[in-house]
Amino acid sequence: AGVVIVADGSDDAHARLGRVLRNDPGTGVMRHADAGYEIAKQCARDNGLDLPMLDK
């Protein structure tokens, strides 16, 4: 899997790039936290990821 995005200097590209660079790695953190990895759970907390499974 991977992500492709065009960064052409426009305001729209800036916004899209920001979302991709947060959400793509965030999905990996979410999957690992859900699997029970403590380091991923702490990473989610440290970076303000809203993961309901952390409350269980």
PDB file of N, CA and C in Angstrom:
ATOM      1  N   ALA A   1       0.839  -1.174   0.000  1.00  0.00           N
ATOM      2  CA  ALA A   1       0.000   0.000   0.000  1.00  0.00           C
ATOM      3  C   ALA A   1       0.882   1.234   0.000  1.00  0.00           C
ATOM      4  N   GLY A   2       0.325   2.315  -0.437  1.00  0.00           N
ATOM      5  CA  GLY A   2       1.066   3.563  -0.451  1.00  0.00           C
ATOM      6  C   GLY A   2       0.147   4.728  -0.730  1.00  0.00           C
ATOM      7  N   VAL A   3       0.719   5.895  -0.724  1.00  0.00           N
ATOM      8  CA  VAL A   3      -0.040   7.118  -0.941  1.00  0.00           C
ATOM      9  C   VAL A   3       0.662   7.928  -2.018  1.00  0.00           C
ATOM     10  N   VAL A   4      -0.128   8.468  -2.923  1.00  0.00           N
ATOM     11  CA  VAL A   4       0.401   9.370  -3.944  1.00  0.00           C
ATOM     12  C   VAL A   4      -0.366  10.672  -3.834  1.00  0.00           C
ATOM     13  N   ILE A   5       0.359  11.786  -3.786  1.00  0.00           N
ATOM     14  CA  ILE A   5      -0.283  13.093  -3.722  1.00  0.00           C
ATOM     15  C   ILE A   5       0.587  14.097  -4.470  1.00  0.00           C
ATOM     16  N   VAL A   6      -0.053  15.025  -5.121  1.00  0.00           N
ATOM     17  CA  VAL A   6       0.658  16.076  -5.850  1.00  0.00           C
ATOM     18  C   VAL A   6       0.795  17.292  -4.937  1.00  0.00           C
ATOM     19  N   ALA A   7       2.026  17.730  -4.744  1.00  0.00           N
ATOM     20  CA  ALA A   7       2.297  18.923  -3.941  1.00  0.00           C
ATOM     21  C   ALA A   7       2.769  20.017  -4.894  1.00  0.00           C
ATOM     22  N   ASP A   8       1.822  20.790  -5.408  1.00  0.00           N
ATOM     23  CA  ASP A   8       2.135  21.780  -6.441  1.00  0.00           C
ATOM     24  C   ASP A   8       2.280  23.204  -5.906  1.00  0.00           C
ATOM     25  N   GLY A   9       2.265  23.349  -4.590  1.00  0.00           N
ATOM     26  CA  GLY A   9       2.421  24.671  -4.001  1.00  0.00           C
ATOM     27  C   GLY A   9       1.122  25.427  -3.783  1.00  0.00           C
ATOM     28  N   SER A  10       0.007  24.869  -4.241  1.00  0.00           N
ATOM     29  CA  SER A  10      -1.278  25.547  -4.059  1.00  0.00           C
ATOM     30  C   SER A  10      -1.778  25.372  -2.627  1.00  0.00           C
ATOM     31  N   ASP A  11      -2.697  26.238  -2.222  1.00  0.00           N
ATOM     32  CA  ASP A  11      -3.290  26.129  -0.887  1.00  0.00           C
ATOM     33  C   ASP A  11      -4.044  24.818  -0.731  1.00  0.00           C
ATOM     34  N   ASP A  12      -4.742  24.385  -1.793  1.00  0.00           N
ATOM     35  CA  ASP A  12      -5.474  23.118  -1.735  1.00  0.00           C
ATOM     36  C   ASP A  12      -4.521  21.944  -1.533  1.00  0.00           C
ATOM     37  N   ALA A  13      -3.425  21.933  -2.262  1.00  0.00           N
ATOM     38  CA  ALA A  13      -2.442  20.853  -2.120  1.00  0.00           C
ATOM     39  C   ALA A  13      -1.842  20.864  -0.719  1.00  0.00           C
ATOM     40  N   HIS A  14      -1.610  22.036  -0.177  1.00  0.00           N
ATOM     41  CA  HIS A  14      -1.075  22.152   1.183  1.00  0.00           C
ATOM     42  C   HIS A  14      -2.016  21.487   2.184  1.00  0.00           C
ATOM     43  N   ALA A  15      -3.292  21.748   2.063  1.00  0.00           N
ATOM     44  CA  ALA A  15      -4.282  21.153   2.969  1.00  0.00           C
ATOM     45  C   ALA A  15      -4.335  19.639   2.789  1.00  0.00           C
ATOM     46  N   ARG A  16      -4.355  19.177   1.539  1.00  0.00           N
ATOM     47  CA  ARG A  16      -4.408  17.736   1.277  1.00  0.00           C
ATOM     48  C   ARG A  16      -3.160  17.033   1.799  1.00  0.00           C
ATOM     49  N   LEU A  17      -2.009  17.635   1.566  1.00  0.00           N
ATOM     50  CA  LEU A  17      -0.758  17.045   2.018  1.00  0.00           C
ATOM     51  C   LEU A  17      -0.734  16.920   3.541  1.00  0.00           C
ATOM     52  N   GLY A  18      -1.212  17.937   4.229  1.00  0.00           N
ATOM     53  CA  GLY A  18      -1.281  17.876   5.687  1.00  0.00           C
ATOM     54  C   GLY A  18      -2.162  16.742   6.178  1.00  0.00           C
ATOM     55  N   ARG A  19      -3.309  16.554   5.523  1.00  0.00           N
ATOM     56  CA  ARG A  19      -4.208  15.457   5.923  1.00  0.00           C
ATOM     57  C   ARG A  19      -3.571  14.101   5.664  1.00  0.00           C
ATOM     58  N   VAL A  20      -2.966  13.941   4.497  1.00  0.00           N
ATOM     59  CA  VAL A  20      -2.353  12.656   4.149  1.00  0.00           C
ATOM     60  C   VAL A  20      -1.218  12.319   5.106  1.00  0.00           C
ATOM     61  N   LEU A  21      -0.375  13.298   5.401  1.00  0.00           N
ATOM     62  CA  LEU A  21       0.781  13.028   6.247  1.00  0.00           C
ATOM     63  C   LEU A  21       0.403  12.798   7.705  1.00  0.00           C
ATOM     64  N   ARG A  22      -0.804  13.132   8.087  1.00  0.00           N
ATOM     65  CA  ARG A  22      -1.280  12.790   9.429  1.00  0.00           C
ATOM     66  C   ARG A  22      -2.095  11.498   9.409  1.00  0.00           C
ATOM     67  N   ASN A  23      -3.021  11.384   8.480  1.00  0.00           N
ATOM     68  CA  ASN A  23      -3.961  10.267   8.498  1.00  0.00           C
ATOM     69  C   ASN A  23      -3.357   8.942   8.060  1.00  0.00           C
ATOM     70  N   ASP A  24      -2.460   8.944   7.090  1.00  0.00           N
ATOM     71  CA  ASP A  24      -1.889   7.678   6.637  1.00  0.00           C
ATOM     72  C   ASP A  24      -1.087   7.003   7.751  1.00  0.00           C
ATOM     73  N   PRO A  25      -0.137   7.688   8.397  1.00  0.00           N
ATOM     74  CA  PRO A  25       0.559   7.054   9.512  1.00  0.00           C
ATOM     75  C   PRO A  25      -0.366   6.804  10.703  1.00  0.00           C
ATOM     76  N   GLY A  26      -1.352   7.679  10.881  1.00  0.00           N
ATOM     77  CA  GLY A  26      -2.300   7.505  11.982  1.00  0.00           C
ATOM     78  C   GLY A  26      -3.081   6.209  11.874  1.00  0.00           C
ATOM     79  N   THR A  27      -3.363   5.794  10.648  1.00  0.00           N
ATOM     80  CA  THR A  27      -4.062   4.526  10.434  1.00  0.00           C
ATOM     81  C   THR A  27      -3.204   3.363  10.914  1.00  0.00           C
ATOM     82  N   GLY A  28      -1.913   3.423  10.648  1.00  0.00           N
ATOM     83  CA  GLY A  28      -1.011   2.377  11.130  1.00  0.00           C
ATOM     84  C   GLY A  28      -0.952   2.341  12.646  1.00  0.00           C
ATOM     85  N   VAL A  29      -0.887   3.510  13.267  1.00  0.00           N
ATOM     86  CA  VAL A  29      -0.880   3.579  14.731  1.00  0.00           C
ATOM     87  C   VAL A  29      -2.178   2.994  15.272  1.00  0.00           C
ATOM     88  N   MET A  30      -3.297   3.328  14.639  1.00  0.00           N
ATOM     89  CA  MET A  30      -4.597   2.810  15.069  1.00  0.00           C
ATOM     90  C   MET A  30      -4.617   1.282  15.009  1.00  0.00           C
ATOM     91  N   ARG A  31      -4.150   0.715  13.914  1.00  0.00           N
ATOM     92  CA  ARG A  31      -4.171  -0.745  13.760  1.00  0.00           C
ATOM     93  C   ARG A  31      -3.307  -1.421  14.822  1.00  0.00           C
ATOM     94  N   HIS A  32      -2.132  -0.858  15.086  1.00  0.00           N
ATOM     95  CA  HIS A  32      -1.245  -1.456  16.078  1.00  0.00           C
ATOM     96  C   HIS A  32      -1.786  -1.272  17.498  1.00  0.00           C
ATOM     97  N   ALA A  33      -2.399  -0.136  17.773  1.00  0.00           N
ATOM     98  CA  ALA A  33      -3.008   0.077  19.091  1.00  0.00           C
ATOM     99  C   ALA A  33      -4.150  -0.909  19.306  1.00  0.00           C
ATOM    100  N   ASP A  34      -4.948  -1.119  18.273  1.00  0.00           N
ATOM    101  CA  ASP A  34      -6.059  -2.065  18.368  1.00  0.00           C
ATOM    102  C   ASP A  34      -5.553  -3.488  18.593  1.00  0.00           C
ATOM    103  N   ALA A  35      -4.365  -3.785  18.076  1.00  0.00           N
ATOM    104  CA  ALA A  35      -3.772  -5.111  18.267  1.00  0.00           C
ATOM    105  C   ALA A  35      -3.151  -5.263  19.654  1.00  0.00           C
ATOM    106  N   GLY A  36      -3.083  -4.162  20.409  1.00  0.00           N
ATOM    107  CA  GLY A  36      -2.625  -4.249  21.787  1.00  0.00           C
ATOM    108  C   GLY A  36      -1.209  -3.779  22.054  1.00  0.00           C
ATOM    109  N   TYR A  37      -0.535  -3.238  21.058  1.00  0.00           N
ATOM    110  CA  TYR A  37       0.835  -2.776  21.258  1.00  0.00           C
ATOM    111  C   TYR A  37       0.848  -1.512  22.110  1.00  0.00           C
ATOM    112  N   GLU A  38       1.501  -1.594  23.266  1.00  0.00           N
ATOM    113  CA  GLU A  38       1.532  -0.459  24.190  1.00  0.00           C
ATOM    114  C   GLU A  38       2.210   0.761  23.575  1.00  0.00           C
ATOM    115  N   ILE A  39       3.258   0.554  22.794  1.00  0.00           N
ATOM    116  CA  ILE A  39       3.959   1.692  22.188  1.00  0.00           C
ATOM    117  C   ILE A  39       3.036   2.454  21.237  1.00  0.00           C
ATOM    118  N   ALA A  40       2.167   1.737  20.534  1.00  0.00           N
ATOM    119  CA  ALA A  40       1.208   2.388  19.630  1.00  0.00           C
ATOM    120  C   ALA A  40       0.133   3.118  20.430  1.00  0.00           C
ATOM    121  N   LYS A  41      -0.299   2.532  21.526  1.00  0.00           N
ATOM    122  CA  LYS A  41      -1.287   3.199  22.375  1.00  0.00           C
ATOM    123  C   LYS A  41      -0.728   4.506  22.925  1.00  0.00           C
ATOM    124  N   GLN A  42       0.525   4.467  23.377  1.00  0.00           N
ATOM    125  CA  GLN A  42       1.144   5.678  23.915  1.00  0.00           C
ATOM    126  C   GLN A  42       1.345   6.717  22.823  1.00  0.00           C
ATOM    127  N   CYS A  43       1.736   6.272  21.635  1.00  0.00           N
ATOM    128  CA  CYS A  43       1.905   7.184  20.497  1.00  0.00           C
ATOM    129  C   CYS A  43       0.581   7.877  20.178  1.00  0.00           C
ATOM    130  N   ALA A  44      -0.513   7.125  20.205  1.00  0.00           N
ATOM    131  CA  ALA A  44      -1.834   7.697  19.936  1.00  0.00           C
ATOM    132  C   ALA A  44      -2.176   8.755  20.980  1.00  0.00           C
ATOM    133  N   ARG A  45      -1.922   8.445  22.236  1.00  0.00           N
ATOM    134  CA  ARG A  45      -2.201   9.418  23.308  1.00  0.00           C
ATOM    135  C   ARG A  45      -1.336  10.672  23.153  1.00  0.00           C
ATOM    136  N   ASP A  46      -0.056  10.461  22.896  1.00  0.00           N
ATOM    137  CA  ASP A  46       0.887  11.581  22.784  1.00  0.00           C
ATOM    138  C   ASP A  46       0.546  12.515  21.631  1.00  0.00           C
ATOM    139  N   ASN A  47      -0.077  11.971  20.583  1.00  0.00           N
ATOM    140  CA  ASN A  47      -0.351  12.761  19.381  1.00  0.00           C
ATOM    141  C   ASN A  47      -1.818  13.120  19.211  1.00  0.00           C
ATOM    142  N   GLY A  48      -2.615  12.884  20.248  1.00  0.00           N
ATOM    143  CA  GLY A  48      -4.008  13.308  20.237  1.00  0.00           C
ATOM    144  C   GLY A  48      -4.900  12.557  19.265  1.00  0.00           C
ATOM    145  N   LEU A  49      -4.560  11.289  18.979  1.00  0.00           N
ATOM    146  CA  LEU A  49      -5.435  10.497  18.115  1.00  0.00           C
ATOM    147  C   LEU A  49      -6.633  10.026  18.926  1.00  0.00           C
ATOM    148  N   ASP A  50      -7.811  10.220  18.405  1.00  0.00           N
ATOM    149  CA  ASP A  50      -9.046   9.844  19.094  1.00  0.00           C
ATOM    150  C   ASP A  50      -9.361   8.394  18.755  1.00  0.00           C
ATOM    151  N   LEU A  51      -8.897   7.468  19.604  1.00  0.00           N
ATOM    152  CA  LEU A  51      -9.106   6.045  19.372  1.00  0.00           C
ATOM    153  C   LEU A  51      -9.970   5.473  20.495  1.00  0.00           C
ATOM    154  N   PRO A  52     -11.236   5.175  20.204  1.00  0.00           N
ATOM    155  CA  PRO A  52     -12.142   4.678  21.243  1.00  0.00           C
ATOM    156  C   PRO A  52     -11.628   3.421  21.943  1.00  0.00           C
ATOM    157  N   MET A  53     -10.841   2.595  21.237  1.00  0.00           N
ATOM    158  CA  MET A  53     -10.377   1.356  21.851  1.00  0.00           C
ATOM    159  C   MET A  53      -9.395   1.609  22.998  1.00  0.00           C
ATOM    160  N   LEU A  54      -8.874   2.812  23.116  1.00  0.00           N
ATOM    161  CA  LEU A  54      -7.962   3.119  24.214  1.00  0.00           C
ATOM    162  C   LEU A  54      -8.690   3.238  25.542  1.00  0.00           C
ATOM    163  N   ASP A  55      -9.992   3.463  25.498  1.00  0.00           N
ATOM    164  CA  ASP A  55     -10.780   3.613  26.721  1.00  0.00           C
ATOM    165  C   ASP A  55     -11.221   2.281  27.300  1.00  0.00           C
ATOM    166  N   LYS A  56     -10.976   1.208  26.585  1.00  0.00           N
ATOM    167  CA  LYS A  56     -11.435  -0.119  27.045  1.00  0.00           C
ATOM    168  C   LYS A  56     -10.439  -0.744  27.978  1.00  0.00           C
TER     169      LYS A  56
END
